[in-house]
Amino acid sequence: HAWIDQYRGITMLSSGHSYIEMALVSIGFSYVQLNQREQARNYYQTCLKSFPTSHMAIAALHYLDSTEKASTEEEIHG
């Protein structure tokens, strides 16, 4: 039920993150572990569409960007 997710911080004494937000970030993380970075990026971006202030999704996208940049620089500089 949507109301459980919305008020679970009060009713269940759990974190303030939505179950949907946590699920999308977890799926993205799983795709990172499978080295399917574009799929991971899609899930993180989907998360941000619904939860624009999701620090988990923002951090994950920064991680993907930084590791892609490092990988590209390594290919260029050998």
PDB file of N, CA and C in Angstrom:
ATOM      1  N   HIS A   1       0.833  -1.179   0.000  1.00  0.00           N
ATOM      2  CA  HIS A   1       0.000   0.000   0.000  1.00  0.00           C
ATOM      3  C   HIS A   1       0.884   1.252   0.000  1.00  0.00           C
ATOM      4  N   ALA A   2       0.489   2.201  -0.798  1.00  0.00           N
ATOM      5  CA  ALA A   2       1.283   3.428  -0.928  1.00  0.00           C
ATOM      6  C   ALA A   2       1.410   4.180   0.392  1.00  0.00           C
ATOM      7  N   TRP A   3       0.372   4.173   1.212  1.00  0.00           N
ATOM      8  CA  TRP A   3       0.434   4.926   2.472  1.00  0.00           C
ATOM      9  C   TRP A   3       1.462   4.331   3.416  1.00  0.00           C
ATOM     10  N   ILE A   4       1.669   3.013   3.348  1.00  0.00           N
ATOM     11  CA  ILE A   4       2.691   2.394   4.206  1.00  0.00           C
ATOM     12  C   ILE A   4       4.065   2.906   3.814  1.00  0.00           C
ATOM     13  N   ASP A   5       4.319   2.961   2.511  1.00  0.00           N
ATOM     14  CA  ASP A   5       5.614   3.458   2.041  1.00  0.00           C
ATOM     15  C   ASP A   5       5.786   4.928   2.397  1.00  0.00           C
ATOM     16  N   GLN A   6       4.723   5.705   2.270  1.00  0.00           N
ATOM     17  CA  GLN A   6       4.814   7.135   2.536  1.00  0.00           C
ATOM     18  C   GLN A   6       5.055   7.434   4.016  1.00  0.00           C
ATOM     19  N   TYR A   7       4.432   6.676   4.895  1.00  0.00           N
ATOM     20  CA  TYR A   7       4.524   6.960   6.328  1.00  0.00           C
ATOM     21  C   TYR A   7       5.298   5.914   7.115  1.00  0.00           C
ATOM     22  N   ARG A   8       6.076   5.093   6.449  1.00  0.00           N
ATOM     23  CA  ARG A   8       6.743   4.006   7.159  1.00  0.00           C
ATOM     24  C   ARG A   8       7.800   4.485   8.140  1.00  0.00           C
ATOM     25  N   GLY A   9       8.348   5.675   7.922  1.00  0.00           N
ATOM     26  CA  GLY A   9       9.296   6.225   8.885  1.00  0.00           C
ATOM     27  C   GLY A   9       8.670   6.370  10.255  1.00  0.00           C
ATOM     28  N   ILE A  10       7.396   6.670  10.265  1.00  0.00           N
ATOM     29  CA  ILE A  10       6.667   6.832  11.522  1.00  0.00           C
ATOM     30  C   ILE A  10       6.094   5.502  11.987  1.00  0.00           C
ATOM     31  N   THR A  11       5.431   4.797  11.064  1.00  0.00           N
ATOM     32  CA  THR A  11       4.728   3.578  11.463  1.00  0.00           C
ATOM     33  C   THR A  11       5.652   2.392  11.705  1.00  0.00           C
ATOM     34  N   MET A  12       6.761   2.336  11.008  1.00  0.00           N
ATOM     35  CA  MET A  12       7.636   1.177  11.113  1.00  0.00           C
ATOM     36  C   MET A  12       9.027   1.532  11.640  1.00  0.00           C
ATOM     37  N   LEU A  13       9.249   2.805  11.927  1.00  0.00           N
ATOM     38  CA  LEU A  13      10.536   3.273  12.438  1.00  0.00           C
ATOM     39  C   LEU A  13      11.709   2.872  11.542  1.00  0.00           C
ATOM     40  N   SER A  14      11.525   3.013  10.238  1.00  0.00           N
ATOM     41  CA  SER A  14      12.600   2.694   9.298  1.00  0.00           C
ATOM     42  C   SER A  14      13.044   3.972   8.589  1.00  0.00           C
ATOM     43  N   SER A  15      14.037   3.834   7.702  1.00  0.00           N
ATOM     44  CA  SER A  15      14.630   5.013   7.064  1.00  0.00           C
ATOM     45  C   SER A  15      13.608   5.791   6.251  1.00  0.00           C
ATOM     46  N   GLY A  16      13.954   7.009   5.940  1.00  0.00           N
ATOM     47  CA  GLY A  16      13.059   7.876   5.202  1.00  0.00           C
ATOM     48  C   GLY A  16      13.039   7.638   3.711  1.00  0.00           C
ATOM     49  N   HIS A  17      13.840   6.710   3.216  1.00  0.00           N
ATOM     50  CA  HIS A  17      13.861   6.431   1.782  1.00  0.00           C
ATOM     51  C   HIS A  17      12.675   5.563   1.402  1.00  0.00           C
ATOM     52  N   SER A  18      12.090   5.872   0.274  1.00  0.00           N
ATOM     53  CA  SER A  18      10.977   5.092  -0.242  1.00  0.00           C
ATOM     54  C   SER A  18      11.465   3.709  -0.661  1.00  0.00           C
ATOM     55  N   TYR A  19      10.597   2.730  -0.520  1.00  0.00           N
ATOM     56  CA  TYR A  19      10.935   1.386  -0.989  1.00  0.00           C
ATOM     57  C   TYR A  19      11.193   1.401  -2.487  1.00  0.00           C
ATOM     58  N   ILE A  20      10.428   2.197  -3.212  1.00  0.00           N
ATOM     59  CA  ILE A  20      10.612   2.274  -4.663  1.00  0.00           C
ATOM     60  C   ILE A  20      11.982   2.864  -4.985  1.00  0.00           C
ATOM     61  N   GLU A  21      12.350   3.927  -4.288  1.00  0.00           N
ATOM     62  CA  GLU A  21      13.659   4.539  -4.490  1.00  0.00           C
ATOM     63  C   GLU A  21      14.772   3.533  -4.207  1.00  0.00           C
ATOM     64  N   MET A  22      14.662   2.840  -3.089  1.00  0.00           N
ATOM     65  CA  MET A  22      15.693   1.858  -2.725  1.00  0.00           C
ATOM     66  C   MET A  22      15.751   0.713  -3.734  1.00  0.00           C
ATOM     67  N   ALA A  23      14.599   0.304  -4.259  1.00  0.00           N
ATOM     68  CA  ALA A  23      14.568  -0.781  -5.242  1.00  0.00           C
ATOM     69  C   ALA A  23      15.254  -0.353  -6.540  1.00  0.00           C
ATOM     70  N   LEU A  24      14.947   0.845  -7.018  1.00  0.00           N
ATOM     71  CA  LEU A  24      15.565   1.323  -8.262  1.00  0.00           C
ATOM     72  C   LEU A  24      17.075   1.447  -8.120  1.00  0.00           C
ATOM     73  N   VAL A  25      17.533   1.968  -6.987  1.00  0.00           N
ATOM     74  CA  VAL A  25      18.976   2.098  -6.750  1.00  0.00           C
ATOM     75  C   VAL A  25      19.616   0.712  -6.638  1.00  0.00           C
ATOM     76  N   SER A  26      18.943  -0.209  -5.999  1.00  0.00           N
ATOM     77  CA  SER A  26      19.483  -1.572  -5.856  1.00  0.00           C
ATOM     78  C   SER A  26      19.585  -2.282  -7.202  1.00  0.00           C
ATOM     79  N   ILE A  27      18.591  -2.085  -8.051  1.00  0.00           N
ATOM     80  CA  ILE A  27      18.650  -2.677  -9.391  1.00  0.00           C
ATOM     81  C   ILE A  27      19.815  -2.069 -10.168  1.00  0.00           C
ATOM     82  N   GLY A  28      19.959  -0.752 -10.065  1.00  0.00           N
ATOM     83  CA  GLY A  28      21.095  -0.094 -10.723  1.00  0.00           C
ATOM     84  C   GLY A  28      22.416  -0.648 -10.231  1.00  0.00           C
ATOM     85  N   PHE A  29      22.546  -0.816  -8.912  1.00  0.00           N
ATOM     86  CA  PHE A  29      23.773  -1.367  -8.336  1.00  0.00           C
ATOM     87  C   PHE A  29      24.032  -2.775  -8.862  1.00  0.00           C
ATOM     88  N   SER A  30      22.985  -3.566  -8.987  1.00  0.00           N
ATOM     89  CA  SER A  30      23.141  -4.932  -9.512  1.00  0.00           C
ATOM     90  C   SER A  30      23.690  -4.909 -10.929  1.00  0.00           C
ATOM     91  N   TYR A  31      23.191  -3.980 -11.738  1.00  0.00           N
ATOM     92  CA  TYR A  31      23.697  -3.870 -13.105  1.00  0.00           C
ATOM     93  C   TYR A  31      25.151  -3.403 -13.135  1.00  0.00           C
ATOM     94  N   VAL A  32      25.553  -2.562 -12.201  1.00  0.00           N
ATOM     95  CA  VAL A  32      26.963  -2.177 -12.110  1.00  0.00           C
ATOM     96  C   VAL A  32      27.806  -3.418 -11.839  1.00  0.00           C
ATOM     97  N   GLN A  33      27.345  -4.251 -10.919  1.00  0.00           N
ATOM     98  CA  GLN A  33      28.088  -5.465 -10.571  1.00  0.00           C
ATOM     99  C   GLN A  33      28.177  -6.429 -11.746  1.00  0.00           C
ATOM    100  N   LEU A  34      27.185  -6.394 -12.631  1.00  0.00           N
ATOM    101  CA  LEU A  34      27.193  -7.238 -13.831  1.00  0.00           C
ATOM    102  C   LEU A  34      27.933  -6.575 -14.992  1.00  0.00           C
ATOM    103  N   ASN A  35      28.510  -5.386 -14.726  1.00  0.00           N
ATOM    104  CA  ASN A  35      29.234  -4.602 -15.727  1.00  0.00           C
ATOM    105  C   ASN A  35      28.336  -4.196 -16.895  1.00  0.00           C
ATOM    106  N   GLN A  36      27.065  -3.959 -16.588  1.00  0.00           N
ATOM    107  CA  GLN A  36      26.111  -3.451 -17.572  1.00  0.00           C
ATOM    108  C   GLN A  36      25.785  -2.003 -17.181  1.00  0.00           C
ATOM    109  N   ARG A  37      26.748  -1.156 -17.453  1.00  0.00           N
ATOM    110  CA  ARG A  37      26.724   0.209 -16.952  1.00  0.00           C
ATOM    111  C   ARG A  37      25.582   1.055 -17.544  1.00  0.00           C
ATOM    112  N   GLU A  38      25.232   0.857 -18.791  1.00  0.00           N
ATOM    113  CA  GLU A  38      24.144   1.639 -19.385  1.00  0.00           C
ATOM    114  C   GLU A  38      22.808   1.283 -18.742  1.00  0.00           C
ATOM    115  N   GLN A  39      22.591  -0.006 -18.466  1.00  0.00           N
ATOM    116  CA  GLN A  39      21.369  -0.416 -17.768  1.00  0.00           C
ATOM    117  C   GLN A  39      21.345   0.202 -16.375  1.00  0.00           C
ATOM    118  N   ALA A  40      22.485   0.187 -15.700  1.00  0.00           N
ATOM    119  CA  ALA A  40      22.584   0.777 -14.367  1.00  0.00           C
ATOM    120  C   ALA A  40      22.241   2.263 -14.442  1.00  0.00           C
ATOM    121  N   ARG A  41      22.826   2.954 -15.395  1.00  0.00           N
ATOM    122  CA  ARG A  41      22.578   4.393 -15.559  1.00  0.00           C
ATOM    123  C   ARG A  41      21.082   4.651 -15.785  1.00  0.00           C
ATOM    124  N   ASN A  42      20.440   3.802 -16.588  1.00  0.00           N
ATOM    125  CA  ASN A  42      19.006   3.972 -16.846  1.00  0.00           C
ATOM    126  C   ASN A  42      18.192   3.882 -15.562  1.00  0.00           C
ATOM    127  N   TYR A  43      18.527   2.927 -14.689  1.00  0.00           N
ATOM    128  CA  TYR A  43      17.781   2.783 -13.437  1.00  0.00           C
ATOM    129  C   TYR A  43      18.036   3.952 -12.491  1.00  0.00           C
ATOM    130  N   TYR A  44      19.268   4.419 -12.427  1.00  0.00           N
ATOM    131  CA  TYR A  44      19.563   5.576 -11.580  1.00  0.00           C
ATOM    132  C   TYR A  44      18.827   6.823 -12.090  1.00  0.00           C
ATOM    133  N   GLN A  45      18.788   6.999 -13.399  1.00  0.00           N
ATOM    134  CA  GLN A  45      18.080   8.151 -13.970  1.00  0.00           C
ATOM    135  C   GLN A  45      16.569   8.030 -13.768  1.00  0.00           C
ATOM    136  N   THR A  46      16.051   6.814 -13.867  1.00  0.00           N
ATOM    137  CA  THR A  46      14.634   6.584 -13.586  1.00  0.00           C
ATOM    138  C   THR A  46      14.320   6.939 -12.144  1.00  0.00           C
ATOM    139  N   CYS A  47      15.218   6.569 -11.250  1.00  0.00           N
ATOM    140  CA  CYS A  47      15.055   6.900  -9.844  1.00  0.00           C
ATOM    141  C   CYS A  47      15.001   8.410  -9.665  1.00  0.00           C
ATOM    142  N   LEU A  48      15.890   9.127 -10.333  1.00  0.00           N
ATOM    143  CA  LEU A  48      15.930  10.583 -10.198  1.00  0.00           C
ATOM    144  C   LEU A  48      14.696  11.270 -10.775  1.00  0.00           C
ATOM    145  N   LYS A  49      14.050  10.645 -11.750  1.00  0.00           N
ATOM    146  CA  LYS A  49      12.815  11.228 -12.284  1.00  0.00           C
ATOM    147  C   LYS A  49      11.719  11.231 -11.222  1.00  0.00           C
ATOM    148  N   SER A  50      11.662  10.161 -10.439  1.00  0.00           N
ATOM    149  CA  SER A  50      10.645  10.070  -9.393  1.00  0.00           C
ATOM    150  C   SER A  50      11.088  10.687  -8.075  1.00  0.00           C
ATOM    151  N   PHE A  51      12.399  10.660  -7.822  1.00  0.00           N
ATOM    152  CA  PHE A  51      12.956  11.157  -6.561  1.00  0.00           C
ATOM    153  C   PHE A  51      14.137  12.075  -6.883  1.00  0.00           C
ATOM    154  N   PRO A  52      13.863  13.306  -7.302  1.00  0.00           N
ATOM    155  CA  PRO A  52      14.916  14.205  -7.786  1.00  0.00           C
ATOM    156  C   PRO A  52      16.027  14.504  -6.781  1.00  0.00           C
ATOM    157  N   THR A  53      15.772  14.314  -5.513  1.00  0.00           N
ATOM    158  CA  THR A  53      16.809  14.602  -4.515  1.00  0.00           C
ATOM    159  C   THR A  53      17.450  13.325  -3.971  1.00  0.00           C
ATOM    160  N   SER A  54      17.304  12.214  -4.674  1.00  0.00           N
ATOM    161  CA  SER A  54      17.865  10.942  -4.217  1.00  0.00           C
ATOM    162  C   SER A  54      19.391  11.014  -4.197  1.00  0.00           C
ATOM    163  N   HIS A  55      19.935  11.110  -3.004  1.00  0.00           N
ATOM    164  CA  HIS A  55      21.391  11.187  -2.869  1.00  0.00           C
ATOM    165  C   HIS A  55      22.056   9.888  -3.301  1.00  0.00           C
ATOM    166  N   MET A  56      21.352   8.776  -3.140  1.00  0.00           N
ATOM    167  CA  MET A  56      21.918   7.491  -3.555  1.00  0.00           C
ATOM    168  C   MET A  56      22.075   7.437  -5.074  1.00  0.00           C
ATOM    169  N   ALA A  57      21.058   7.853  -5.812  1.00  0.00           N
ATOM    170  CA  ALA A  57      21.123   7.823  -7.272  1.00  0.00           C
ATOM    171  C   ALA A  57      22.121   8.849  -7.802  1.00  0.00           C
ATOM    172  N   ILE A  58      22.141  10.021  -7.183  1.00  0.00           N
ATOM    173  CA  ILE A  58      23.096  11.062  -7.603  1.00  0.00           C
ATOM    174  C   ILE A  58      24.528  10.581  -7.406  1.00  0.00           C
ATOM    175  N   ALA A  59      24.805   9.990  -6.246  1.00  0.00           N
ATOM    176  CA  ALA A  59      26.157   9.483  -5.972  1.00  0.00           C
ATOM    177  C   ALA A  59      26.527   8.362  -6.930  1.00  0.00           C
ATOM    178  N   ALA A  60      25.574   7.507  -7.236  1.00  0.00           N
ATOM    179  CA  ALA A  60      25.855   6.400  -8.153  1.00  0.00           C
ATOM    180  C   ALA A  60      26.175   6.913  -9.546  1.00  0.00           C
ATOM    181  N   LEU A  61      25.439   7.922 -10.007  1.00  0.00           N
ATOM    182  CA  LEU A  61      25.728   8.487 -11.323  1.00  0.00           C
ATOM    183  C   LEU A  61      27.081   9.179 -11.347  1.00  0.00           C
ATOM    184  N   HIS A  62      27.443   9.852 -10.262  1.00  0.00           N
ATOM    185  CA  HIS A  62      28.779  10.464 -10.173  1.00  0.00           C
ATOM    186  C   HIS A  62      29.854   9.379 -10.233  1.00  0.00           C
ATOM    187  N   TYR A  63      29.605   8.269  -9.563  1.00  0.00           N
ATOM    188  CA  TYR A  63      30.557   7.152  -9.591  1.00  0.00           C
ATOM    189  C   TYR A  63      30.718   6.630 -11.023  1.00  0.00           C
ATOM    190  N   LEU A  64      29.591   6.412 -11.708  1.00  0.00           N
ATOM    191  CA  LEU A  64      29.675   5.921 -13.084  1.00  0.00           C
ATOM    192  C   LEU A  64      30.434   6.902 -13.972  1.00  0.00           C
ATOM    193  N   ASP A  65      30.138   8.188 -13.814  1.00  0.00           N
ATOM    194  CA  ASP A  65      30.830   9.204 -14.623  1.00  0.00           C
ATOM    195  C   ASP A  65      32.331   9.216 -14.347  1.00  0.00           C
ATOM    196  N   SER A  66      32.713   9.144 -13.072  1.00  0.00           N
ATOM    197  CA  SER A  66      34.137   9.218 -12.731  1.00  0.00           C
ATOM    198  C   SER A  66      34.896   7.977 -13.177  1.00  0.00           C
ATOM    199  N   THR A  67      34.277   6.821 -13.067  1.00  0.00           N
ATOM    200  CA  THR A  67      34.986   5.602 -13.486  1.00  0.00           C
ATOM    201  C   THR A  67      35.057   5.501 -15.005  1.00  0.00           C
ATOM    202  N   GLU A  68      34.054   6.022 -15.701  1.00  0.00           N
ATOM    203  CA  GLU A  68      34.119   6.034 -17.161  1.00  0.00           C
ATOM    204  C   GLU A  68      35.202   7.000 -17.630  1.00  0.00           C
ATOM    205  N   LYS A  69      35.304   8.150 -16.974  1.00  0.00           N
ATOM    206  CA  LYS A  69      36.333   9.130 -17.318  1.00  0.00           C
ATOM    207  C   LYS A  69      37.718   8.556 -17.051  1.00  0.00           C
ATOM    208  N   ALA A  70      37.895   7.886 -15.914  1.00  0.00           N
ATOM    209  CA  ALA A  70      39.188   7.295 -15.583  1.00  0.00           C
ATOM    210  C   ALA A  70      39.554   6.204 -16.572  1.00  0.00           C
ATOM    211  N   SER A  71      38.569   5.420 -16.983  1.00  0.00           N
ATOM    212  CA  SER A  71      38.811   4.357 -17.950  1.00  0.00           C
ATOM    213  C   SER A  71      39.223   4.925 -19.298  1.00  0.00           C
ATOM    214  N   THR A  72      38.569   5.991 -19.725  1.00  0.00           N
ATOM    215  CA  THR A  72      38.895   6.634 -20.999  1.00  0.00           C
ATOM    216  C   THR A  72      40.298   7.239 -20.962  1.00  0.00           C
ATOM    217  N   GLU A  73      40.638   7.899 -19.859  1.00  0.00           N
ATOM    218  CA  GLU A  73      41.976   8.494 -19.729  1.00  0.00           C
ATOM    219  C   GLU A  73      43.050   7.410 -19.718  1.00  0.00           C
ATOM    220  N   GLU A  74      42.759   6.270 -19.109  1.00  0.00           N
ATOM    221  CA  GLU A  74      43.726   5.177 -19.067  1.00  0.00           C
ATOM    222  C   GLU A  74      43.966   4.629 -20.473  1.00  0.00           C
ATOM    223  N   GLU A  75      42.889   4.546 -21.283  1.00  0.00           N
ATOM    224  CA  GLU A  75      43.045   4.075 -22.654  1.00  0.00           C
ATOM    225  C   GLU A  75      43.879   5.047 -23.476  1.00  0.00           C
ATOM    226  N   ILE A  76      43.697   6.329 -23.245  1.00  0.00           N
ATOM    227  CA  ILE A  76      44.431   7.348 -24.006  1.00  0.00           C
ATOM    228  C   ILE A  76      45.904   7.370 -23.620  1.00  0.00           C
ATOM    229  N   HIS A  77      46.173   7.329 -22.303  1.00  0.00           N
ATOM    230  CA  HIS A  77      47.547   7.474 -21.823  1.00  0.00           C
ATOM    231  C   HIS A  77      48.278   6.139 -21.651  1.00  0.00           C
ATOM    232  N   GLY A  78      47.567   5.077 -21.872  1.00  0.00           N
ATOM    233  CA  GLY A  78      48.199   3.758 -21.813  1.00  0.00           C
ATOM    234  C   GLY A  78      48.432   3.306 -20.458  1.00  0.00           C
TER     235      GLY A  78
END
